[in-house]
Amino acid sequence: MTILYLAMVVAGIGMICWGLPASHRMKTPYDALAALAVLVGVVVGLLGALLAADPGFFKS
């Protein structure tokens, strides 16, 4: 499962690295989608980092 969590971190960083410049380059309706990709990238990256550090975080 740790490989999956590290893949989440890499995917999150990838979405952030793509979305930040794309949100300034794209035309009006598509720049919002790129900005949304940045937000999703931050959430996925942080969640992956949390689960990689403590795999049982959400288990009660």
C-alpha atoms as a PDB file:
ATOM      1  CA  MET A   1       0.000   0.000   0.000  1.00  0.00           C
ATOM      2  CA  THR A   2       2.926   2.334   0.543  1.00  0.00           C
ATOM      3  CA  ILE A   3       3.619   2.315  -3.200  1.00  0.00           C
ATOM      4  CA  LEU A   4       0.043   3.509  -3.778  1.00  0.00           C
ATOM      5  CA  TYR A   5       0.450   6.327  -1.272  1.00  0.00           C
ATOM      6  CA  LEU A   6       3.715   7.442  -2.824  1.00  0.00           C
ATOM      7  CA  ALA A   7       2.026   7.292  -6.247  1.00  0.00           C
ATOM      8  CA  MET A   8      -0.662   9.604  -4.861  1.00  0.00           C
ATOM      9  CA  VAL A   9       2.030  12.078  -3.811  1.00  0.00           C
ATOM     10  CA  VAL A  10       3.655  11.935  -7.260  1.00  0.00           C
ATOM     11  CA  ALA A  11       0.274  12.336  -8.996  1.00  0.00           C
ATOM     12  CA  GLY A  12      -0.571  15.300  -6.787  1.00  0.00           C
ATOM     13  CA  ILE A  13       2.722  17.012  -7.554  1.00  0.00           C
ATOM     14  CA  GLY A  14       2.186  16.307 -11.242  1.00  0.00           C
ATOM     15  CA  MET A  15      -1.271  17.895 -11.205  1.00  0.00           C
ATOM     16  CA  ILE A  16       0.077  20.950  -9.405  1.00  0.00           C
ATOM     17  CA  CYS A  17       3.011  21.316 -11.802  1.00  0.00           C
ATOM     18  CA  TRP A  18       0.705  21.036 -14.811  1.00  0.00           C
ATOM     19  CA  GLY A  19      -2.174  23.105 -13.453  1.00  0.00           C
ATOM     20  CA  LEU A  20      -0.363  26.208 -12.242  1.00  0.00           C
ATOM     21  CA  PRO A  21       1.037  27.295 -15.620  1.00  0.00           C
ATOM     22  CA  ALA A  22      -1.968  25.914 -17.511  1.00  0.00           C
ATOM     23  CA  SER A  23      -4.398  28.026 -15.510  1.00  0.00           C
ATOM     24  CA  HIS A  24      -2.661  31.141 -16.855  1.00  0.00           C
ATOM     25  CA  ARG A  25      -2.199  29.932 -20.440  1.00  0.00           C
ATOM     26  CA  MET A  26      -5.635  28.517 -21.224  1.00  0.00           C
ATOM     27  CA  LYS A  27      -8.712  30.369 -22.419  1.00  0.00           C
ATOM     28  CA  THR A  28     -11.564  31.306 -20.098  1.00  0.00           C
ATOM     29  CA  PRO A  29     -13.608  28.131 -19.517  1.00  0.00           C
ATOM     30  CA  TYR A  30     -10.569  25.848 -19.396  1.00  0.00           C
ATOM     31  CA  ASP A  31      -8.493  27.879 -16.966  1.00  0.00           C
ATOM     32  CA  ALA A  32     -10.976  27.089 -14.219  1.00  0.00           C
ATOM     33  CA  LEU A  33     -10.523  23.374 -14.890  1.00  0.00           C
ATOM     34  CA  ALA A  34      -6.752  23.747 -14.620  1.00  0.00           C
ATOM     35  CA  ALA A  35      -7.150  25.641 -11.341  1.00  0.00           C
ATOM     36  CA  LEU A  36      -9.439  22.887 -10.087  1.00  0.00           C
ATOM     37  CA  ALA A  37      -6.751  20.354 -11.029  1.00  0.00           C
ATOM     38  CA  VAL A  38      -4.319  22.269  -8.815  1.00  0.00           C
ATOM     39  CA  LEU A  39      -6.743  22.069  -5.901  1.00  0.00           C
ATOM     40  CA  VAL A  40      -7.280  18.337  -6.444  1.00  0.00           C
ATOM     41  CA  GLY A  41      -3.516  17.897  -6.734  1.00  0.00           C
ATOM     42  CA  VAL A  42      -2.939  19.563  -3.381  1.00  0.00           C
ATOM     43  CA  VAL A  43      -5.581  17.390  -1.712  1.00  0.00           C
ATOM     44  CA  VAL A  44      -4.330  14.150  -3.295  1.00  0.00           C
ATOM     45  CA  GLY A  45      -0.697  14.969  -2.535  1.00  0.00           C
ATOM     46  CA  LEU A  46      -1.369  15.824   1.085  1.00  0.00           C
ATOM     47  CA  LEU A  47      -3.569  12.765   1.568  1.00  0.00           C
ATOM     48  CA  GLY A  48      -0.894  10.544   0.045  1.00  0.00           C
ATOM     49  CA  ALA A  49       1.784  12.060   2.269  1.00  0.00           C
ATOM     50  CA  LEU A  50      -0.398  11.589   5.354  1.00  0.00           C
ATOM     51  CA  LEU A  51      -1.138   7.977   4.526  1.00  0.00           C
ATOM     52  CA  ALA A  52       2.498   7.255   3.660  1.00  0.00           C
ATOM     53  CA  ALA A  53       3.583   8.594   7.045  1.00  0.00           C
ATOM     54  CA  ASP A  54       0.798   6.860   9.029  1.00  0.00           C
ATOM     55  CA  PRO A  55      -0.956   4.109   7.043  1.00  0.00           C
ATOM     56  CA  GLY A  56      -3.548   3.429   9.762  1.00  0.00           C
ATOM     57  CA  PHE A  57      -4.641   7.043  10.152  1.00  0.00           C
ATOM     58  CA  PHE A  58      -8.275   6.536   9.125  1.00  0.00           C
ATOM     59  CA  LYS A  59      -8.746   3.182  10.885  1.00  0.00           C
ATOM     60  CA  SER A  60     -10.638   3.395  14.142  1.00  0.00           C
END
